[in-house]
Amino acid sequence: MDETTLLDSGSMTFTRNLRQQVPIKLIVRQSTAVLCPLVATRVFAGFPSPAEDWTEGRLDLNEYLISHPNATYYVRVAGDSMSDEICEGDLLVVDRACEARDGDIVVARVATEFTVKRLRKSNGQVRLEAANPAFSSLILDEASDVEIWGKVLWSIRRH
């Protein structure tokens, strides 16, 4: 199972294995919007287009990426179980207020560990599915110690 570091108010712990628990602390800072220019033209991924000297306005990424600020958290990915879609080191924007549906990527607590997987619901069966075929799906039933901790809305990757 891949590992992700989950930020919480300090009441949760992150477990790399059953022998090592690391407390997680969230440092809350007063947020100030950073408004960057939003260029009104599209950027072509082929031949260069003529430059245009105007912007559409300013864009606050917090406003753009977050619908429910009190229910949203960020988490950095470790591991490669989702490597076809989400890579190690990606920063995920996770919203706990959004309902997770079939096909959504979610952060889930499985027993004492956290994981990021695609939620699948079909024929009365619910499972957490890895994108990397080297990892098997986790089939959930009433006895499973699993809790969905939110729907992944965005993945931010440095290029």
C-alpha atoms as a PDB file:
ATOM      1  CA  MET A   1       0.000   0.000   0.000  1.00  0.00           C
ATOM      2  CA  ASP A   2       1.354   3.431  -0.817  1.00  0.00           C
ATOM      3  CA  GLU A   3       1.699   6.012   1.911  1.00  0.00           C
ATOM      4  CA  THR A   4       0.491   9.584   2.059  1.00  0.00           C
ATOM      5  CA  THR A   5       1.067  12.116   4.754  1.00  0.00           C
ATOM      6  CA  LEU A   6      -2.267  13.452   5.978  1.00  0.00           C
ATOM      7  CA  LEU A   7      -2.426  16.832   7.626  1.00  0.00           C
ATOM      8  CA  ASP A   8      -4.720  17.074  10.593  1.00  0.00           C
ATOM      9  CA  SER A   9      -5.103  19.081  13.749  1.00  0.00           C
ATOM     10  CA  GLY A  10      -2.554  16.992  15.618  1.00  0.00           C
ATOM     11  CA  SER A  11      -5.071  14.468  16.900  1.00  0.00           C
ATOM     12  CA  MET A  12      -4.253  11.964  14.146  1.00  0.00           C
ATOM     13  CA  THR A  13      -1.111   9.965  13.586  1.00  0.00           C
ATOM     14  CA  PHE A  14       0.467   8.768  10.376  1.00  0.00           C
ATOM     15  CA  THR A  15       1.749   5.210  10.438  1.00  0.00           C
ATOM     16  CA  ARG A  16       4.372   4.020   7.975  1.00  0.00           C
ATOM     17  CA  ASN A  17       4.102   0.600   9.546  1.00  0.00           C
ATOM     18  CA  LEU A  18       2.435  -0.747  12.664  1.00  0.00           C
ATOM     19  CA  ARG A  19       5.577  -0.176  14.753  1.00  0.00           C
ATOM     20  CA  GLN A  20       6.133   3.507  13.952  1.00  0.00           C
ATOM     21  CA  GLN A  21       3.528   6.194  14.572  1.00  0.00           C
ATOM     22  CA  VAL A  22       4.369   9.782  13.768  1.00  0.00           C
ATOM     23  CA  PRO A  23       2.125  12.570  15.093  1.00  0.00           C
ATOM     24  CA  ILE A  24       0.902  14.966  12.456  1.00  0.00           C
ATOM     25  CA  LYS A  25       0.696  18.650  13.205  1.00  0.00           C
ATOM     26  CA  LEU A  26      -1.033  21.247  11.111  1.00  0.00           C
ATOM     27  CA  ILE A  27       0.376  24.745  11.260  1.00  0.00           C
ATOM     28  CA  VAL A  28      -2.417  27.170  10.510  1.00  0.00           C
ATOM     29  CA  ARG A  29      -1.368  30.555   9.240  1.00  0.00           C
ATOM     30  CA  GLN A  30      -3.521  33.524   8.400  1.00  0.00           C
ATOM     31  CA  SER A  31      -4.036  33.284   4.648  1.00  0.00           C
ATOM     32  CA  THR A  32      -3.636  36.224   2.357  1.00  0.00           C
ATOM     33  CA  ALA A  33      -4.672  35.924  -1.257  1.00  0.00           C
ATOM     34  CA  VAL A  34      -1.887  36.059  -3.807  1.00  0.00           C
ATOM     35  CA  LEU A  35      -3.432  37.337  -7.003  1.00  0.00           C
ATOM     36  CA  CYS A  36      -1.418  36.392 -10.087  1.00  0.00           C
ATOM     37  CA  PRO A  37      -2.227  37.589 -13.607  1.00  0.00           C
ATOM     38  CA  LEU A  38      -4.525  35.331 -15.630  1.00  0.00           C
ATOM     39  CA  VAL A  39      -3.654  35.658 -19.297  1.00  0.00           C
ATOM     40  CA  ALA A  40      -6.801  35.706 -21.444  1.00  0.00           C
ATOM     41  CA  THR A  41      -5.352  33.750 -24.339  1.00  0.00           C
ATOM     42  CA  ARG A  42      -4.726  30.010 -24.489  1.00  0.00           C
ATOM     43  CA  VAL A  43      -1.182  28.675 -24.651  1.00  0.00           C
ATOM     44  CA  PHE A  44      -0.691  26.331 -27.579  1.00  0.00           C
ATOM     45  CA  ALA A  45       1.362  23.207 -27.010  1.00  0.00           C
ATOM     46  CA  GLY A  46       2.466  23.156 -30.646  1.00  0.00           C
ATOM     47  CA  PHE A  47       3.849  26.065 -32.643  1.00  0.00           C
ATOM     48  CA  PRO A  48       4.194  29.409 -30.828  1.00  0.00           C
ATOM     49  CA  SER A  49       1.306  31.840 -31.119  1.00  0.00           C
ATOM     50  CA  PRO A  50       1.725  35.624 -31.395  1.00  0.00           C
ATOM     51  CA  ALA A  51       2.138  37.243 -27.979  1.00  0.00           C
ATOM     52  CA  GLU A  52      -0.730  39.333 -26.695  1.00  0.00           C
ATOM     53  CA  ASP A  53      -0.125  42.248 -24.367  1.00  0.00           C
ATOM     54  CA  TRP A  54      -3.120  41.997 -22.066  1.00  0.00           C
ATOM     55  CA  THR A  55      -4.450  39.906 -19.243  1.00  0.00           C
ATOM     56  CA  GLU A  56      -7.952  38.807 -18.398  1.00  0.00           C
ATOM     57  CA  GLY A  57      -7.560  39.736 -14.759  1.00  0.00           C
ATOM     58  CA  ARG A  58      -6.097  38.310 -11.577  1.00  0.00           C
ATOM     59  CA  LEU A  59      -6.536  34.751 -10.330  1.00  0.00           C
ATOM     60  CA  ASP A  60      -6.428  33.624  -6.696  1.00  0.00           C
ATOM     61  CA  LEU A  61      -5.626  29.891  -6.772  1.00  0.00           C
ATOM     62  CA  ASN A  62      -7.301  29.400  -3.389  1.00  0.00           C
ATOM     63  CA  GLU A  63     -10.537  30.725  -4.856  1.00  0.00           C
ATOM     64  CA  TYR A  64     -10.090  28.654  -8.009  1.00  0.00           C
ATOM     65  CA  LEU A  65      -9.110  25.331  -6.371  1.00  0.00           C
ATOM     66  CA  ILE A  66     -11.123  25.349  -3.127  1.00  0.00           C
ATOM     67  CA  SER A  67     -14.916  25.255  -2.880  1.00  0.00           C
ATOM     68  CA  HIS A  68     -15.186  24.348   0.816  1.00  0.00           C
ATOM     69  CA  PRO A  69     -12.267  25.965   2.708  1.00  0.00           C
ATOM     70  CA  ASN A  70     -13.221  24.475   6.088  1.00  0.00           C
ATOM     71  CA  ALA A  71     -13.386  20.951   4.645  1.00  0.00           C
ATOM     72  CA  THR A  72     -10.337  21.095   2.382  1.00  0.00           C
ATOM     73  CA  TYR A  73      -6.809  19.940   3.097  1.00  0.00           C
ATOM     74  CA  TYR A  74      -3.611  19.290   1.146  1.00  0.00           C
ATOM     75  CA  VAL A  75      -1.652  16.066   1.203  1.00  0.00           C
ATOM     76  CA  ARG A  76       1.629  15.101  -0.461  1.00  0.00           C
ATOM     77  CA  VAL A  77       1.782  11.705  -2.196  1.00  0.00           C
ATOM     78  CA  ALA A  78       4.367   9.037  -1.413  1.00  0.00           C
ATOM     79  CA  GLY A  79       4.513   5.777  -3.333  1.00  0.00           C
ATOM     80  CA  ASP A  80       3.514   4.758  -6.825  1.00  0.00           C
ATOM     81  CA  SER A  81       0.200   2.896  -6.630  1.00  0.00           C
ATOM     82  CA  MET A  82      -1.467   5.704  -8.604  1.00  0.00           C
ATOM     83  CA  SER A  83       1.526   6.386 -10.845  1.00  0.00           C
ATOM     84  CA  ASP A  84      -0.470   6.315 -14.087  1.00  0.00           C
ATOM     85  CA  GLU A  85      -2.354   9.413 -12.852  1.00  0.00           C
ATOM     86  CA  ILE A  86      -0.788  10.734  -9.659  1.00  0.00           C
ATOM     87  CA  CYS A  87       2.954  10.682  -9.045  1.00  0.00           C
ATOM     88  CA  GLU A  88       5.085  10.580  -5.941  1.00  0.00           C
ATOM     89  CA  GLY A  89       5.555  14.126  -4.637  1.00  0.00           C
ATOM     90  CA  ASP A  90       2.296  15.466  -6.125  1.00  0.00           C
ATOM     91  CA  LEU A  91       0.347  17.758  -3.846  1.00  0.00           C
ATOM     92  CA  LEU A  92      -3.329  16.777  -3.711  1.00  0.00           C
ATOM     93  CA  VAL A  93      -6.205  19.129  -2.920  1.00  0.00           C
ATOM     94  CA  VAL A  94      -8.736  17.011  -1.028  1.00  0.00           C
ATOM     95  CA  ASP A  95     -12.286  18.100  -0.160  1.00  0.00           C
ATOM     96  CA  ARG A  96     -14.101  16.259   2.632  1.00  0.00           C
ATOM     97  CA  ALA A  97     -17.419  17.995   1.832  1.00  0.00           C
ATOM     98  CA  CYS A  98     -17.700  16.515  -1.676  1.00  0.00           C
ATOM     99  CA  GLU A  99     -19.486  13.194  -2.000  1.00  0.00           C
ATOM    100  CA  ALA A 100     -17.192  10.519  -3.423  1.00  0.00           C
ATOM    101  CA  ARG A 101     -18.794   8.672  -6.325  1.00  0.00           C
ATOM    102  CA  ASP A 102     -17.823   5.743  -8.508  1.00  0.00           C
ATOM    103  CA  GLY A 103     -14.672   6.630 -10.434  1.00  0.00           C
ATOM    104  CA  ASP A 104     -13.522   9.426  -8.111  1.00  0.00           C
ATOM    105  CA  ILE A 105     -10.025   9.428  -6.650  1.00  0.00           C
ATOM    106  CA  VAL A 106     -10.190   9.497  -2.850  1.00  0.00           C
ATOM    107  CA  VAL A 107      -7.981   9.608   0.208  1.00  0.00           C
ATOM    108  CA  ALA A 108      -9.003   6.783   2.528  1.00  0.00           C
ATOM    109  CA  ARG A 109      -7.982   5.552   5.946  1.00  0.00           C
ATOM    110  CA  VAL A 110      -7.492   1.790   5.809  1.00  0.00           C
ATOM    111  CA  ALA A 111      -7.002   0.503   9.367  1.00  0.00           C
ATOM    112  CA  THR A 112      -4.119   2.683  10.637  1.00  0.00           C
ATOM    113  CA  GLU A 113      -2.759   3.901   7.298  1.00  0.00           C
ATOM    114  CA  PHE A 114      -3.805   6.415   4.661  1.00  0.00           C
ATOM    115  CA  THR A 115      -3.908   5.733   0.944  1.00  0.00           C
ATOM    116  CA  VAL A 116      -5.008   7.402  -2.265  1.00  0.00           C
ATOM    117  CA  LYS A 117      -7.003   5.219  -4.683  1.00  0.00           C
ATOM    118  CA  ARG A 118      -9.851   5.317  -7.186  1.00  0.00           C
ATOM    119  CA  LEU A 119     -13.233   4.463  -5.636  1.00  0.00           C
ATOM    120  CA  ARG A 120     -15.153   1.832  -7.621  1.00  0.00           C
ATOM    121  CA  LYS A 121     -18.756   0.778  -7.020  1.00  0.00           C
ATOM    122  CA  SER A 122     -20.324  -1.906  -9.207  1.00  0.00           C
ATOM    123  CA  ASN A 123     -22.708  -4.845  -8.779  1.00  0.00           C
ATOM    124  CA  GLY A 124     -23.064  -4.141  -5.065  1.00  0.00           C
ATOM    125  CA  GLN A 125     -19.291  -4.292  -4.572  1.00  0.00           C
ATOM    126  CA  VAL A 126     -17.141  -1.397  -3.374  1.00  0.00           C
ATOM    127  CA  ARG A 127     -13.385  -1.373  -3.852  1.00  0.00           C
ATOM    128  CA  LEU A 128     -10.372   0.923  -3.759  1.00  0.00           C
ATOM    129  CA  GLU A 129      -8.458   0.513  -6.996  1.00  0.00           C
ATOM    130  CA  ALA A 130      -4.855   1.410  -7.748  1.00  0.00           C
ATOM    131  CA  ALA A 131      -3.954   2.898 -11.137  1.00  0.00           C
ATOM    132  CA  ASN A 132      -0.697   0.955 -11.197  1.00  0.00           C
ATOM    133  CA  PRO A 133      -1.427  -2.668 -12.216  1.00  0.00           C
ATOM    134  CA  ALA A 134       1.346  -3.879  -9.891  1.00  0.00           C
ATOM    135  CA  PHE A 135      -1.004  -3.133  -6.955  1.00  0.00           C
ATOM    136  CA  SER A 136      -4.149  -5.119  -6.262  1.00  0.00           C
ATOM    137  CA  SER A 137      -7.537  -3.603  -5.473  1.00  0.00           C
ATOM    138  CA  LEU A 138      -8.863  -3.566  -1.940  1.00  0.00           C
ATOM    139  CA  ILE A 139     -12.386  -4.999  -1.856  1.00  0.00           C
ATOM    140  CA  LEU A 140     -14.449  -3.445   0.931  1.00  0.00           C
ATOM    141  CA  ASP A 141     -17.176  -5.064   2.975  1.00  0.00           C
ATOM    142  CA  GLU A 142     -19.004  -4.322   6.228  1.00  0.00           C
ATOM    143  CA  ALA A 143     -16.083  -5.685   8.253  1.00  0.00           C
ATOM    144  CA  SER A 144     -13.513  -3.447   6.533  1.00  0.00           C
ATOM    145  CA  ASP A 145     -11.923  -0.796   8.722  1.00  0.00           C
ATOM    146  CA  VAL A 146     -12.048   1.898   6.024  1.00  0.00           C
ATOM    147  CA  GLU A 147     -13.116   5.532   6.047  1.00  0.00           C
ATOM    148  CA  ILE A 148     -13.145   7.890   3.067  1.00  0.00           C
ATOM    149  CA  TRP A 149     -11.287  11.051   4.093  1.00  0.00           C
ATOM    150  CA  GLY A 150     -12.210  13.078   1.052  1.00  0.00           C
ATOM    151  CA  LYS A 151     -12.383  13.368  -2.697  1.00  0.00           C
ATOM    152  CA  VAL A 152      -9.249  14.431  -4.574  1.00  0.00           C
ATOM    153  CA  LEU A 153     -10.171  17.469  -6.649  1.00  0.00           C
ATOM    154  CA  TRP A 154      -6.775  18.581  -7.909  1.00  0.00           C
ATOM    155  CA  SER A 155      -3.275  17.251  -8.268  1.00  0.00           C
ATOM    156  CA  ILE A 156      -0.464  19.800  -8.323  1.00  0.00           C
ATOM    157  CA  ARG A 157       2.859  18.719  -9.812  1.00  0.00           C
ATOM    158  CA  ARG A 158       6.115  20.569 -10.236  1.00  0.00           C
ATOM    159  CA  HIS A 159       7.547  20.383 -13.772  1.00  0.00           C
END
